[in-house]
Amino acid sequence: MDKEGSTGKTEQTKKHFWRDYDPITKFNFIIALFAIISSVATIGLYCIAKDTLIVSQRAFVYAEKANILGEAPDLKISRPANAKIGIDVVFKNSGQTLSKNQRSTMGTYFTTTGIPDDFKYPIELNSRPILLAPQAETQLLRPISETELANVKSGKQLLFVYGDVTYEDVFGKSHKTEYCFQLFGYSLKPTGELEEYIFYTGPTHNCADEDCKEE
C-alpha cells in the first residue's frame, strides 16, 4: 500500500474511533476519564490542604521585642559601679506547635551614624539549643556598661540590637528569622520614673526563611 493510501486509512480510523464503539463502552470510557480527572484533582486538593495545615500549625519563632533591664527607676540616680544592666531580647514562638533545636544569637552596635551597607552583623551571644513550646518565650541578655548606657541615653550614640534565631518545626523543616532593633528613646511614668526603653524595627536585617539574603 502506498503512502497516500496508508494516510487515508489512518484518517478514516481516527474519524470512526468514537462512532464505532457501542454505548456501554463509550459510557465506561467517560466514567474512567472522569475518575482520572477526579483523582488528579483530589491529589491536588490534598497537597494544598496539607501545605495549608503545615503553615497554620508550624512553629514560627521571631524576636518579639528588645529592652534595657536592671536600671534604677529614677533616671537621676546614678547606679553603683557593680550593678548589672543588660540589653534584653525576647524571642516568641507564635505558632501552634513547638520549635526544636532552636538557637538564638544577639549582637549590638554602638555608632554615631547608622548601620553601613557592608556591615557583617558580628555575633556576641549564642544560646544553647532548646525546645520552645507554642506561645512561649525565651530571652537573651547582653550586659552593657554605665558608659554605654549614658551615651545612648544622651543621644551621643545610636544603639542597634540584632541577631537571628534558627529552629526546626515538627514537620521536619528548618527555619531562620533575622532581626534588628534600634533604640529611639524611653518613656516615663507620670511620677517621672522610667517606664521602658523604646525600640523600633531597624532599617535592615529583618526577614524570615527564603526572604533572608545569603551572607
Protein backbone atom coordinates (compact mmCIF):
# COMPACT_ATOMS: atom_id res chain seq x y z
CA MET A 1 0.00 0.00 0.00
CA ASP A 2 1.34 3.37 -0.95
CA LYS A 3 1.88 6.24 1.48
CA GLU A 4 -1.23 8.11 0.32
CA GLY A 5 -3.45 5.07 0.89
CA SER A 6 -1.96 4.50 4.34
CA THR A 7 -2.62 8.11 5.32
CA GLY A 8 -6.20 7.86 4.14
CA LYS A 9 -6.77 4.75 6.22
CA THR A 10 -5.33 6.42 9.30
CA GLU A 11 -7.60 9.43 8.87
CA GLN A 12 -10.57 7.10 8.41
CA THR A 13 -9.60 5.21 11.59
CA LYS A 14 -9.47 8.46 13.55
CA LYS A 15 -12.75 9.52 12.09
CA HIS A 16 -14.55 6.34 13.20
CA PHE A 17 -12.77 5.92 16.52
CA TRP A 18 -15.71 7.18 18.64
CA ARG A 19 -18.60 6.29 16.29
CA ASP A 20 -17.73 2.61 16.05
CA TYR A 21 -17.89 1.90 19.81
CA ASP A 22 -21.13 0.73 21.41
CA PRO A 23 -22.88 2.95 24.03
CA ILE A 24 -21.74 0.86 27.01
CA THR A 25 -18.09 1.12 26.00
CA LYS A 26 -18.49 4.84 25.47
CA PHE A 27 -20.09 5.19 28.89
CA ASN A 28 -17.29 3.21 30.57
CA PHE A 29 -14.72 5.33 28.79
CA ILE A 30 -16.35 8.53 30.07
CA ILE A 31 -16.52 7.13 33.62
CA ALA A 32 -12.83 6.14 33.50
CA LEU A 33 -11.84 9.55 32.17
CA PHE A 34 -13.88 11.27 34.86
CA ALA A 35 -12.27 9.06 37.53
CA ILE A 36 -8.79 10.03 36.34
CA ILE A 37 -9.62 13.73 36.35
CA SER A 38 -11.24 13.41 39.79
CA SER A 39 -8.19 11.59 41.17
CA VAL A 40 -5.79 14.24 39.91
CA ALA A 41 -7.97 16.99 41.36
CA THR A 42 -8.20 15.15 44.70
CA ILE A 43 -4.42 14.78 44.88
CA GLY A 44 -4.01 18.48 44.12
CA LEU A 45 -6.50 19.48 46.79
CA TYR A 46 -4.80 17.16 49.28
CA CYS A 47 -1.43 18.77 48.64
CA ILE A 48 -2.90 22.24 49.02
CA ALA A 49 -4.68 21.23 52.23
CA LYS A 50 -1.51 19.65 53.62
CA ASP A 51 0.59 22.74 52.89
CA THR A 52 -2.07 24.97 54.41
CA LEU A 53 -2.18 22.82 57.54
CA ILE A 54 1.60 22.96 57.92
CA VAL A 55 1.68 26.74 57.54
CA SER A 56 -1.14 27.24 60.05
CA GLN A 57 0.21 24.77 62.63
CA ARG A 58 4.00 25.01 62.38
CA ALA A 59 6.22 26.88 64.81
CA PHE A 60 7.08 30.48 63.95
CA VAL A 61 9.79 31.99 66.13
CA TYR A 62 10.78 35.65 65.94
CA ALA A 63 12.35 38.41 68.05
CA GLU A 64 9.31 39.99 69.65
CA LYS A 65 10.92 42.96 71.44
CA ALA A 66 14.06 44.43 72.97
CA ASN A 67 14.51 46.35 76.20
CA ILE A 68 17.14 47.53 78.66
CA LEU A 69 16.75 45.90 82.06
CA GLY A 70 18.22 46.45 85.51
CA GLU A 71 18.41 50.25 85.58
CA ALA A 72 17.38 52.21 88.68
CA PRO A 73 13.79 53.50 88.27
CA ASP A 74 14.79 57.15 88.78
CA LEU A 75 16.94 58.31 85.86
CA LYS A 76 18.52 60.98 88.08
CA ILE A 77 20.00 58.37 90.42
CA SER A 78 23.41 57.04 89.40
CA ARG A 79 23.86 53.29 89.76
CA PRO A 80 26.58 51.55 91.74
CA ALA A 81 29.54 50.54 89.61
CA ASN A 82 28.92 46.82 90.19
CA ALA A 83 25.21 46.93 89.32
CA LYS A 84 24.30 44.93 86.22
CA ILE A 85 22.47 46.49 83.29
CA GLY A 86 21.58 44.44 80.27
CA ILE A 87 20.02 44.63 76.82
CA ASP A 88 17.30 42.01 76.69
CA VAL A 89 15.79 40.43 73.55
CA VAL A 90 12.63 38.32 73.84
CA PHE A 91 12.02 35.52 71.33
CA LYS A 92 8.50 34.17 70.93
CA ASN A 93 7.04 31.09 69.24
CA SER A 94 3.73 32.36 67.89
CA GLY A 95 2.93 29.05 66.17
CA GLN A 96 0.70 26.18 67.25
CA THR A 97 3.44 23.55 67.67
CA LEU A 98 6.83 23.53 69.37
CA SER A 99 10.12 24.53 67.79
CA LYS A 100 13.03 22.10 68.00
CA ASN A 101 16.77 22.63 68.19
CA GLN A 102 16.21 26.37 68.49
CA ARG A 103 19.29 28.58 68.67
CA SER A 104 19.22 32.35 69.18
CA THR A 105 22.00 34.86 68.64
CA MET A 106 22.50 38.50 69.57
CA GLY A 107 24.86 41.35 68.79
CA THR A 108 24.99 45.10 69.49
CA TYR A 109 26.32 48.03 67.51
CA PHE A 110 27.01 51.46 69.04
CA THR A 111 27.56 54.16 66.43
CA THR A 112 27.23 57.88 65.81
CA THR A 113 25.78 57.43 62.33
CA GLY A 114 23.96 54.26 61.29
CA ILE A 115 24.48 50.73 60.01
CA PRO A 116 26.79 50.74 56.95
CA ASP A 117 25.82 48.80 53.85
CA ASP A 118 28.73 46.37 54.28
CA PHE A 119 28.07 45.66 57.97
CA LYS A 120 28.63 41.97 58.78
CA TYR A 121 26.44 41.74 61.92
CA PRO A 122 29.02 40.07 64.20
CA ILE A 123 27.53 37.87 66.92
CA GLU A 124 28.30 38.39 70.64
CA LEU A 125 25.94 35.85 72.23
CA ASN A 126 24.78 32.36 71.25
CA SER A 127 22.14 30.38 73.10
CA ARG A 128 22.17 26.64 73.64
CA PRO A 129 19.70 24.61 71.55
CA ILE A 130 16.28 24.39 73.19
CA LEU A 131 12.70 23.26 72.62
CA LEU A 132 10.23 26.15 72.73
CA ALA A 133 6.56 25.41 73.32
CA PRO A 134 3.86 27.17 71.28
CA GLN A 135 3.11 30.70 72.50
CA ALA A 136 6.13 30.50 74.84
CA GLU A 137 9.04 32.94 75.12
CA THR A 138 12.77 32.82 75.78
CA GLN A 139 15.38 35.56 76.22
CA LEU A 140 18.97 36.60 75.63
CA LEU A 141 20.64 39.23 77.83
CA ARG A 142 23.81 41.15 76.97
CA PRO A 143 25.34 43.23 79.80
CA ILE A 144 26.24 46.84 78.97
CA SER A 145 28.35 49.36 80.88
CA GLU A 146 27.29 52.60 82.53
CA THR A 147 29.24 54.48 79.86
CA GLU A 148 27.46 52.72 77.00
CA LEU A 149 24.07 53.40 78.60
CA ALA A 150 24.89 57.05 79.28
CA ASN A 151 25.98 57.59 75.69
CA VAL A 152 22.76 56.22 74.17
CA LYS A 153 20.55 57.99 76.74
CA SER A 154 22.18 61.32 76.00
CA GLY A 155 21.95 60.81 72.25
CA LYS A 156 25.70 60.73 71.70
CA GLN A 157 25.42 57.27 70.17
CA LEU A 158 22.83 55.17 68.39
CA LEU A 159 22.21 51.61 69.55
CA PHE A 160 21.29 48.72 67.26
CA VAL A 161 20.50 45.23 68.57
CA TYR A 162 20.47 42.42 66.03
CA GLY A 163 20.84 38.68 65.52
CA ASP A 164 18.89 35.67 64.33
CA VAL A 165 17.06 32.58 65.50
CA THR A 166 17.21 29.21 63.76
CA TYR A 167 14.96 26.24 64.51
CA GLU A 168 13.16 23.20 63.14
CA ASP A 169 9.42 22.65 63.12
CA VAL A 170 7.67 19.36 63.95
CA PHE A 171 7.15 18.74 60.22
CA GLY A 172 10.91 18.43 59.65
CA LYS A 173 11.62 21.78 58.01
CA SER A 174 14.36 24.21 59.07
CA HIS A 175 13.71 27.93 59.51
CA LYS A 176 15.59 31.15 60.14
CA THR A 177 14.45 34.57 61.30
CA GLU A 178 16.76 37.60 61.34
CA TYR A 179 16.04 40.69 63.43
CA CYS A 180 17.32 44.18 64.11
CA PHE A 181 16.07 46.76 66.63
CA GLN A 182 17.09 50.40 67.05
CA LEU A 183 16.79 52.30 70.33
CA PHE A 184 14.81 55.51 69.83
CA GLY A 185 14.39 56.70 73.40
CA TYR A 186 12.48 55.94 76.56
CA SER A 187 9.14 56.74 78.19
CA LEU A 188 8.45 57.98 81.72
CA LYS A 189 5.65 57.33 84.14
CA PRO A 190 3.59 60.29 85.46
CA THR A 191 5.78 60.15 88.56
CA GLY A 192 8.88 60.78 86.47
CA GLU A 193 10.15 57.24 86.83
CA LEU A 194 11.44 55.24 83.91
CA GLU A 195 8.69 53.17 82.31
CA GLU A 196 10.52 51.49 79.44
CA TYR A 197 13.02 51.98 76.66
CA ILE A 198 11.54 52.27 73.18
CA PHE A 199 12.99 50.08 70.44
CA TYR A 200 11.72 50.15 66.87
CA THR A 201 12.44 47.80 63.99
CA GLY A 202 15.81 48.59 62.45
CA PRO A 203 16.39 49.58 58.82
CA THR A 204 17.84 46.23 57.69
CA HIS A 205 18.37 42.61 58.74
CA ASN A 206 14.69 41.80 59.27
CA CYS A 207 13.48 38.74 57.37
CA ALA A 208 12.30 35.14 57.60
CA ASP A 209 13.31 31.98 55.72
CA GLU A 210 13.69 32.47 51.95
CA ASP A 211 13.44 36.26 52.30
CA CYS A 212 16.79 36.32 54.12
CA LYS A 213 19.82 37.01 51.96
CA GLU A 214 22.72 34.58 51.98
CA GLU A 215 25.74 36.12 53.68
